Amino acid sequence: MASVTYKCPNCGSFLAFDPDDQKWKCDRCDSVYDEETLLAKAAEYQQQADAEHRQAEADAHTHAAAAGDAGSEQQVYYNCPSCGSGIMTDETTVATHCYYCHNPVVLQGKLTADMKPDMVLPFSVGKEKAIEAFMGWVAKKRFVPKGFFAREQVRQMEGVYYPHFVTEATVDGSYQGEGQRTNVFDQGQYVVTQTEHYAITRRAKIAFENVMRPALKATDRKLSDGIHPFPLTELTPFSGAYLSGFLAERRDIAQSEATADVADELTGYVKPLLTQTVHFPTYQGKAEGRVLRQSSKYVLLPTWVLTYIKSGEKEPYYYVMNGRTGQVCGKLPIDKGKLRLTALGITAILFAAYCVAAYFLF
């Protein structure tokens, strides 16, 4: 299968995308290349990789036919373009590092036409900034055990592009109902209650955009949703060059499956949106929605990922950070000793306040 390492035109060492200045940097000679230069080079790499992939598929088909076992599964390996070492990954990985020479490798053979993303949102938070942001986030949490997060441990965080589907849709929404307004007034010896009934009719074409769904089965939705939103207006056409220096996963969920519940979600917004201008004290009615148009893009979104294993605990702690905004999500451990001391302190203060109040009042 075809694999690519983006190499420096000056010295031949590998290039990696630098989120801080949105350019590609060489780790050896410190050369810097802009988007126009690298994306043109990336197109050449892509054409070469596609040709290699087509040849590999033809060879595999010929081999299977000769063996008379076309239905058997085959283990696929990659060769590092820099050192030639073998690289084995799981089915969804499309960008990684060589375990021997540590060069970044983009596994172009996995980016077939149906698996190639439409857009990518490049990282803009570099690793050092991500570490500082994470340490700052932890520092604000009062009950985290002291020394739980060592900076060296946090440095193990990895930048990963995760696959998502981003959907736009137009919904024809309508609302039919009745509003009531009641007045009560005194009319001599009678108290009169007057109720007025009003017909309510609302209809609109409602445009929705940036409805996100993960396209990887292993995605933890609580963590993933916890770092939304991403600035999706800054998406750029996909190029494998943006993956260089990071990890990346490709989708293992079909678009139809990932977005199957989008229509139900969007039609559920019809009633609250169309009744915003209904100002009757009470009203009731029925809302209906019909999706007129729906389209989705397959995109890769940047996420910093940290797995923290605490000694003596079975389950690791997982943390994710938005690679564009720095938003962090994850469950933090709690120092029960700190929590008890704080609770005792609050109790003591409340008891003292009660004693003072009782002394003066009674």
Protein backbone atom coordinates (compact mmCIF):
# COMPACT_ATOMS: atom_id res chain seq x y z
CA MET A 1 0.00 0.00 0.00
CA ALA A 2 1.25 3.50 -0.88
CA SER A 3 2.69 5.66 1.91
CA VAL A 4 4.15 9.16 1.76
CA THR A 5 6.58 11.23 3.79
CA TYR A 6 6.64 14.88 2.75
CA LYS A 7 10.32 15.68 2.32
CA CYS A 8 12.19 18.97 2.47
CA PRO A 9 13.25 20.06 -1.05
CA ASN A 10 16.37 21.58 0.50
CA CYS A 11 17.85 18.68 2.53
CA GLY A 12 15.55 15.70 2.03
CA SER A 13 14.52 15.38 5.69
CA PHE A 14 10.85 15.15 6.62
CA LEU A 15 8.44 18.08 6.87
CA ALA A 16 5.67 18.48 9.42
CA PHE A 17 2.80 20.95 9.51
CA ASP A 18 3.34 23.65 12.16
CA PRO A 19 0.00 24.82 13.63
CA ASP A 20 1.48 28.00 15.11
CA ASP A 21 2.34 29.65 11.79
CA GLN A 22 0.32 27.43 9.43
CA LYS A 23 3.41 26.42 7.45
CA TRP A 24 5.52 23.30 6.97
CA LYS A 25 8.88 23.10 8.74
CA CYS A 26 11.94 20.91 8.28
CA ASP A 27 13.28 19.41 11.52
CA ARG A 28 16.86 19.32 10.20
CA CYS A 29 17.63 22.49 8.25
CA ASP A 30 14.78 24.64 9.66
CA SER A 31 13.51 25.48 6.17
CA VAL A 32 9.94 26.76 6.09
CA TYR A 33 7.48 26.23 3.23
CA ASP A 34 4.19 27.95 2.64
CA GLU A 35 0.85 26.47 1.68
CA GLU A 36 1.14 27.10 -2.06
CA THR A 37 4.50 25.33 -2.33
CA LEU A 38 3.61 22.31 -0.21
CA LEU A 39 0.13 21.73 -1.60
CA ALA A 40 1.56 21.68 -5.13
CA LYS A 41 4.08 19.08 -3.95
CA ALA A 42 1.31 17.20 -2.17
CA ALA A 43 -0.60 16.89 -5.45
CA GLU A 44 2.45 15.21 -7.02
CA TYR A 45 2.72 12.81 -4.09
CA GLN A 46 -0.98 12.03 -4.37
CA GLN A 47 -0.74 11.17 -8.08
CA GLN A 48 2.23 8.89 -7.41
CA ALA A 49 0.48 7.23 -4.47
CA ASP A 50 -2.69 6.66 -6.50
CA ALA A 51 -0.69 4.97 -9.25
CA GLU A 52 1.10 2.75 -6.72
CA HIS A 53 -2.19 1.88 -5.07
CA ARG A 54 -3.82 0.88 -8.37
CA GLN A 55 -0.82 -1.34 -9.16
CA ALA A 56 -0.93 -2.90 -5.68
CA GLU A 57 -4.62 -3.68 -6.07
CA ALA A 58 -3.99 -5.27 -9.48
CA ASP A 59 -1.15 -7.40 -8.07
CA ALA A 60 -3.28 -8.48 -5.12
CA HIS A 61 -6.15 -9.46 -7.43
CA THR A 62 -3.82 -11.48 -9.63
CA HIS A 63 -2.32 -13.23 -6.61
CA ALA A 64 -5.76 -14.07 -5.19
CA ALA A 65 -6.95 -15.45 -8.54
CA ALA A 66 -3.84 -17.62 -8.87
CA ALA A 67 -4.33 -18.94 -5.34
CA GLY A 68 -7.99 -19.64 -6.01
CA ASP A 69 -8.94 -17.95 -2.74
CA ALA A 70 -10.20 -14.51 -3.63
CA GLY A 71 -12.40 -14.37 -0.52
CA SER A 72 -9.60 -14.73 2.05
CA GLU A 73 -8.50 -11.78 4.16
CA GLN A 74 -5.00 -10.39 3.70
CA GLN A 75 -2.85 -8.48 6.20
CA VAL A 76 -1.77 -5.14 4.71
CA TYR A 77 1.60 -3.62 5.61
CA TYR A 78 3.20 -0.31 4.65
CA ASN A 79 6.81 0.54 4.04
CA CYS A 80 8.25 3.75 5.48
CA PRO A 81 9.37 5.92 2.53
CA SER A 82 12.36 7.15 4.56
CA CYS A 83 13.92 4.00 6.06
CA GLY A 84 11.98 1.18 4.42
CA SER A 85 10.84 -0.33 7.71
CA GLY A 86 7.49 -2.07 7.86
CA ILE A 87 4.54 -0.23 9.37
CA MET A 88 1.39 -2.03 10.47
CA THR A 89 -1.69 -0.10 11.53
CA ASP A 90 -5.34 -0.72 12.23
CA GLU A 91 -7.94 -0.29 9.50
CA THR A 92 -8.83 3.32 10.19
CA THR A 93 -5.39 4.94 10.63
CA VAL A 94 -4.35 7.17 7.70
CA ALA A 95 -1.47 9.14 9.26
CA THR A 96 1.10 7.98 11.81
CA HIS A 97 4.84 7.92 12.59
CA CYS A 98 7.43 5.33 11.64
CA TYR A 99 8.31 3.37 14.76
CA TYR A 100 11.98 3.20 13.76
CA CYS A 101 13.00 6.52 12.20
CA HIS A 102 10.05 8.50 13.68
CA ASN A 103 9.32 10.20 10.36
CA PRO A 104 5.67 11.23 9.83
CA VAL A 105 3.96 8.96 7.30
CA VAL A 106 0.67 9.55 5.47
CA LEU A 107 -0.86 6.25 4.34
CA GLN A 108 -2.22 7.44 1.02
CA GLY A 109 -3.27 3.92 0.02
CA LYS A 110 -6.13 4.15 2.51
CA LEU A 111 -7.43 7.42 1.05
CA THR A 112 -9.30 5.82 -1.84
CA ALA A 113 -11.91 7.89 -3.66
CA ASP A 114 -14.71 6.87 -1.29
CA MET A 115 -12.56 7.40 1.80
CA LYS A 116 -10.86 10.66 0.87
CA PRO A 117 -12.17 13.54 3.02
CA ASP A 118 -13.76 16.54 1.33
CA MET A 119 -12.34 19.09 3.76
CA VAL A 120 -9.87 19.38 6.62
CA LEU A 121 -9.60 21.87 9.49
CA PRO A 122 -5.85 22.24 10.15
CA PHE A 123 -4.50 22.50 13.69
CA SER A 124 -3.88 26.06 14.88
CA VAL A 125 -2.98 25.18 18.49
CA GLY A 126 0.57 23.78 18.53
CA LYS A 127 1.73 21.18 21.04
CA GLU A 128 3.44 23.62 23.42
CA LYS A 129 0.38 25.86 23.49
CA ALA A 130 -1.81 22.80 24.01
CA ILE A 131 0.31 21.73 27.00
CA GLU A 132 0.14 25.21 28.55
CA ALA A 133 -3.62 25.40 27.98
CA PHE A 134 -4.15 21.98 29.53
CA MET A 135 -1.99 22.77 32.58
CA GLY A 136 -3.87 26.04 32.99
CA TRP A 137 -7.20 24.20 32.83
CA VAL A 138 -6.09 21.74 35.52
CA ALA A 139 -4.73 24.54 37.75
CA LYS A 140 -8.22 26.07 37.99
CA LYS A 141 -9.68 22.85 39.44
CA ARG A 142 -9.43 23.08 43.23
CA PHE A 143 -9.90 19.44 44.12
CA VAL A 144 -7.46 17.79 41.71
CA PRO A 145 -4.82 15.80 43.65
CA LYS A 146 -1.55 17.72 43.95
CA GLY A 147 1.03 16.48 41.49
CA PHE A 148 -1.47 14.33 39.60
CA PHE A 149 -0.56 15.93 36.29
CA ALA A 150 3.17 16.04 35.70
CA ARG A 151 4.23 18.13 32.73
CA GLU A 152 6.23 15.22 31.33
CA GLN A 153 3.10 13.09 31.34
CA VAL A 154 1.10 15.82 29.61
CA ARG A 155 3.79 16.01 26.93
CA GLN A 156 2.62 12.58 25.78
CA MET A 157 -0.50 14.12 24.24
CA GLU A 158 -0.95 13.42 20.53
CA GLY A 159 -2.52 15.49 17.79
CA VAL A 160 -5.15 13.46 15.95
CA TYR A 161 -7.45 14.29 13.04
CA TYR A 162 -10.82 12.63 13.66
CA PRO A 163 -13.39 12.01 10.91
CA HIS A 164 -16.81 13.67 11.04
CA PHE A 165 -19.74 14.35 8.77
CA VAL A 166 -20.93 17.96 8.67
CA THR A 167 -24.47 18.37 7.39
CA GLU A 168 -26.44 21.27 5.94
CA ALA A 169 -30.21 21.06 5.45
CA THR A 170 -33.33 23.07 4.70
CA VAL A 171 -36.54 22.18 6.52
CA ASP A 172 -40.06 23.22 5.57
CA GLY A 173 -41.59 23.82 8.99
CA SER A 174 -45.17 24.66 10.00
CA TYR A 175 -47.08 25.18 13.21
CA GLN A 176 -50.86 25.19 13.67
CA GLY A 177 -52.34 25.90 17.05
CA GLU A 178 -54.56 27.97 19.30
CA GLY A 179 -53.67 30.65 21.80
CA GLN A 180 -55.75 31.71 24.79
CA ARG A 181 -55.89 34.96 26.69
CA THR A 182 -58.05 35.09 29.82
CA ASN A 183 -59.36 38.19 31.58
CA VAL A 184 -61.20 38.20 34.92
CA PHE A 185 -63.24 41.22 36.00
CA ASP A 186 -65.94 42.15 38.51
CA GLN A 187 -69.38 42.91 37.04
CA GLY A 188 -71.61 43.81 39.93
CA GLN A 189 -72.60 40.70 41.82
CA TYR A 190 -70.76 38.48 39.33
CA VAL A 191 -67.12 37.72 38.67
CA VAL A 192 -66.80 37.27 34.92
CA THR A 193 -64.07 35.21 33.28
CA GLN A 194 -63.56 36.01 29.61
CA THR A 195 -61.39 33.74 27.48
CA GLU A 196 -60.36 34.78 23.99
CA HIS A 197 -59.22 32.17 21.46
CA TYR A 198 -56.84 32.95 18.62
CA ALA A 199 -55.73 30.82 15.70
CA ILE A 200 -51.95 30.54 15.34
CA THR A 201 -50.35 29.79 11.99
CA ARG A 202 -46.62 29.78 11.36
CA ARG A 203 -44.65 28.50 8.40
CA ALA A 204 -41.05 28.97 7.31
CA LYS A 205 -38.18 27.42 5.43
CA ILE A 206 -35.47 26.95 8.04
CA ALA A 207 -31.82 26.58 7.04
CA PHE A 208 -29.51 24.54 9.28
CA GLU A 209 -25.76 24.21 8.89
CA ASN A 210 -22.79 22.59 10.63
CA VAL A 211 -24.76 19.70 12.13
CA MET A 212 -21.95 17.37 13.21
CA ARG A 213 -21.80 13.61 13.57
CA PRO A 214 -18.67 11.52 14.31
CA ALA A 215 -17.71 9.09 11.55
CA LEU A 216 -15.64 6.73 13.72
CA LYS A 217 -17.32 3.99 15.75
CA ALA A 218 -14.78 4.25 18.57
CA THR A 219 -15.56 7.94 19.19
CA ASP A 220 -16.60 8.83 22.74
CA ARG A 221 -19.55 11.16 22.08
CA LYS A 222 -19.37 12.85 25.49
CA LEU A 223 -15.73 13.78 25.00
CA SER A 224 -16.20 14.63 21.32
CA ASP A 225 -19.22 16.86 21.89
CA GLY A 226 -17.55 18.45 24.91
CA ILE A 227 -15.03 20.36 22.77
CA HIS A 228 -17.52 21.71 20.23
CA PRO A 229 -17.89 23.98 18.41
CA PHE A 230 -15.16 23.97 15.79
CA PRO A 231 -14.79 27.04 13.52
CA LEU A 232 -16.10 25.21 10.46
CA THR A 233 -16.07 28.34 8.31
CA GLU A 234 -12.28 27.88 8.26
CA LEU A 235 -12.38 24.42 6.64
CA THR A 236 -10.05 24.02 3.68
CA PRO A 237 -10.03 21.51 0.78
CA PHE A 238 -8.38 18.30 1.89
CA SER A 239 -4.71 17.63 1.26
CA GLY A 240 -2.61 14.89 2.85
CA ALA A 241 0.08 17.50 3.53
CA TYR A 242 -1.93 18.82 6.51
CA LEU A 243 -1.71 15.37 8.14
CA SER A 244 2.10 15.30 8.12
CA GLY A 245 3.37 15.26 11.69
CA PHE A 246 0.03 14.17 13.19
CA LEU A 247 -2.05 11.06 13.57
CA ALA A 248 -5.25 10.73 11.57
CA GLU A 249 -8.17 8.33 11.38
CA ARG A 250 -10.46 7.62 8.47
CA ARG A 251 -14.15 6.93 8.80
CA ASP A 252 -15.56 3.47 9.44
CA ILE A 253 -19.21 4.58 9.35
CA ALA A 254 -21.13 5.24 6.13
CA GLN A 255 -22.63 8.69 5.64
CA SER A 256 -26.18 7.29 5.55
CA GLU A 257 -25.64 5.57 8.92
CA ALA A 258 -23.89 8.48 10.63
CA THR A 259 -26.52 11.02 9.59
CA ALA A 260 -29.60 8.79 9.90
CA ASP A 261 -30.96 10.75 12.89
CA VAL A 262 -30.23 14.24 11.57
CA ALA A 263 -33.67 14.72 10.00
CA ASP A 264 -35.43 13.82 13.27
CA GLU A 265 -33.21 16.20 15.21
CA LEU A 266 -33.82 19.11 12.85
CA THR A 267 -37.59 18.64 12.67
CA GLY A 268 -37.56 18.66 16.47
CA TYR A 269 -36.38 22.29 16.34
CA VAL A 270 -39.38 23.43 14.28
CA LYS A 271 -41.76 24.04 17.21
CA PRO A 272 -39.39 26.08 19.43
CA LEU A 273 -38.22 28.14 16.44
CA LEU A 274 -41.69 28.91 15.05
CA THR A 275 -43.25 29.71 18.43
CA GLN A 276 -40.66 32.27 19.49
CA THR A 277 -43.04 35.08 18.51
CA VAL A 278 -46.12 33.52 20.16
CA HIS A 279 -46.86 35.66 23.21
CA PHE A 280 -50.17 34.28 24.46
CA PRO A 281 -50.21 33.25 28.13
CA THR A 282 -51.20 29.74 27.10
CA TYR A 283 -51.19 28.01 23.73
CA GLN A 284 -51.09 24.56 22.25
CA GLY A 285 -50.71 23.17 18.79
CA LYS A 286 -48.87 20.83 16.46
CA ALA A 287 -45.63 21.33 14.59
CA GLU A 288 -44.57 19.52 11.45
CA GLY A 289 -41.31 19.52 9.54
CA ARG A 290 -40.21 18.15 6.21
CA VAL A 291 -36.60 18.07 5.03
CA LEU A 292 -36.39 19.66 1.58
CA ARG A 293 -32.63 19.38 1.10
CA GLN A 294 -29.84 17.66 2.98
CA SER A 295 -26.16 17.33 2.09
CA SER A 296 -23.09 16.26 4.07
CA LYS A 297 -19.34 16.73 3.82
CA TYR A 298 -16.77 14.29 5.11
CA VAL A 299 -14.21 16.29 7.11
CA LEU A 300 -11.24 15.76 9.43
CA LEU A 301 -11.17 17.84 12.62
CA PRO A 302 -8.10 18.51 14.83
CA THR A 303 -8.03 17.16 18.38
CA TRP A 304 -5.28 16.88 20.98
CA VAL A 305 -5.67 13.63 22.89
CA LEU A 306 -4.17 12.64 26.26
CA THR A 307 -4.51 9.30 28.03
CA TYR A 308 -3.46 9.44 31.68
CA ILE A 309 -2.90 6.23 33.60
CA LYS A 310 -2.92 6.69 37.38
CA SER A 311 -1.05 4.17 39.46
CA GLY A 312 -3.38 1.91 41.41
CA GLU A 313 -6.44 2.56 39.24
CA LYS A 314 -7.81 0.19 36.61
CA GLU A 315 -9.40 2.70 34.26
CA PRO A 316 -7.31 5.41 32.56
CA TYR A 317 -8.39 9.03 32.33
CA TYR A 318 -9.08 10.40 28.86
CA TYR A 319 -8.84 14.07 27.82
CA VAL A 320 -9.40 15.83 24.52
CA MET A 321 -8.72 19.39 23.40
CA ASN A 322 -10.09 21.28 20.43
CA GLY A 323 -7.12 21.80 18.09
CA ARG A 324 -8.45 25.22 17.04
CA THR A 325 -9.99 26.77 20.15
CA GLY A 326 -8.15 25.04 23.02
CA GLN A 327 -11.41 23.91 24.67
CA VAL A 328 -10.73 20.91 26.98
CA CYS A 329 -13.02 18.09 28.05
CA GLY A 330 -12.42 15.13 30.36
CA LYS A 331 -13.13 13.73 33.80
CA LEU A 332 -10.71 14.86 36.50
CA PRO A 333 -9.82 12.87 39.62
CA ILE A 334 -10.89 14.28 42.98
CA ASP A 335 -8.70 14.54 46.07
CA LYS A 336 -11.16 13.37 48.73
CA GLY A 337 -8.94 14.74 51.48
CA LYS A 338 -9.14 18.27 50.03
CA LEU A 339 -12.88 17.87 49.57
CA ARG A 340 -13.39 16.81 53.21
CA LEU A 341 -11.25 19.66 54.53
CA THR A 342 -13.20 22.17 52.46
CA ALA A 343 -16.50 20.73 53.66
CA LEU A 344 -15.34 20.89 57.28
CA GLY A 345 -14.18 24.48 56.81
CA ILE A 346 -17.55 25.54 55.37
CA THR A 347 -19.36 23.73 58.18
CA ALA A 348 -17.21 25.46 60.79
CA ILE A 349 -17.87 28.89 59.28
CA LEU A 350 -21.63 28.27 59.14
CA PHE A 351 -21.65 27.02 62.74
CA ALA A 352 -19.70 30.07 63.93
CA ALA A 353 -22.11 32.38 62.08
CA TYR A 354 -25.06 30.58 63.68
CA CYS A 355 -23.53 30.95 67.14
CA VAL A 356 -22.94 34.68 66.67
CA ALA A 357 -26.47 35.19 65.35
CA ALA A 358 -27.94 33.18 68.23
CA TYR A 359 -25.96 35.21 70.80
CA PHE A 360 -27.31 38.53 69.57
CA LEU A 361 -30.84 37.41 68.74
CA PHE A 362 -31.56 35.27 71.76
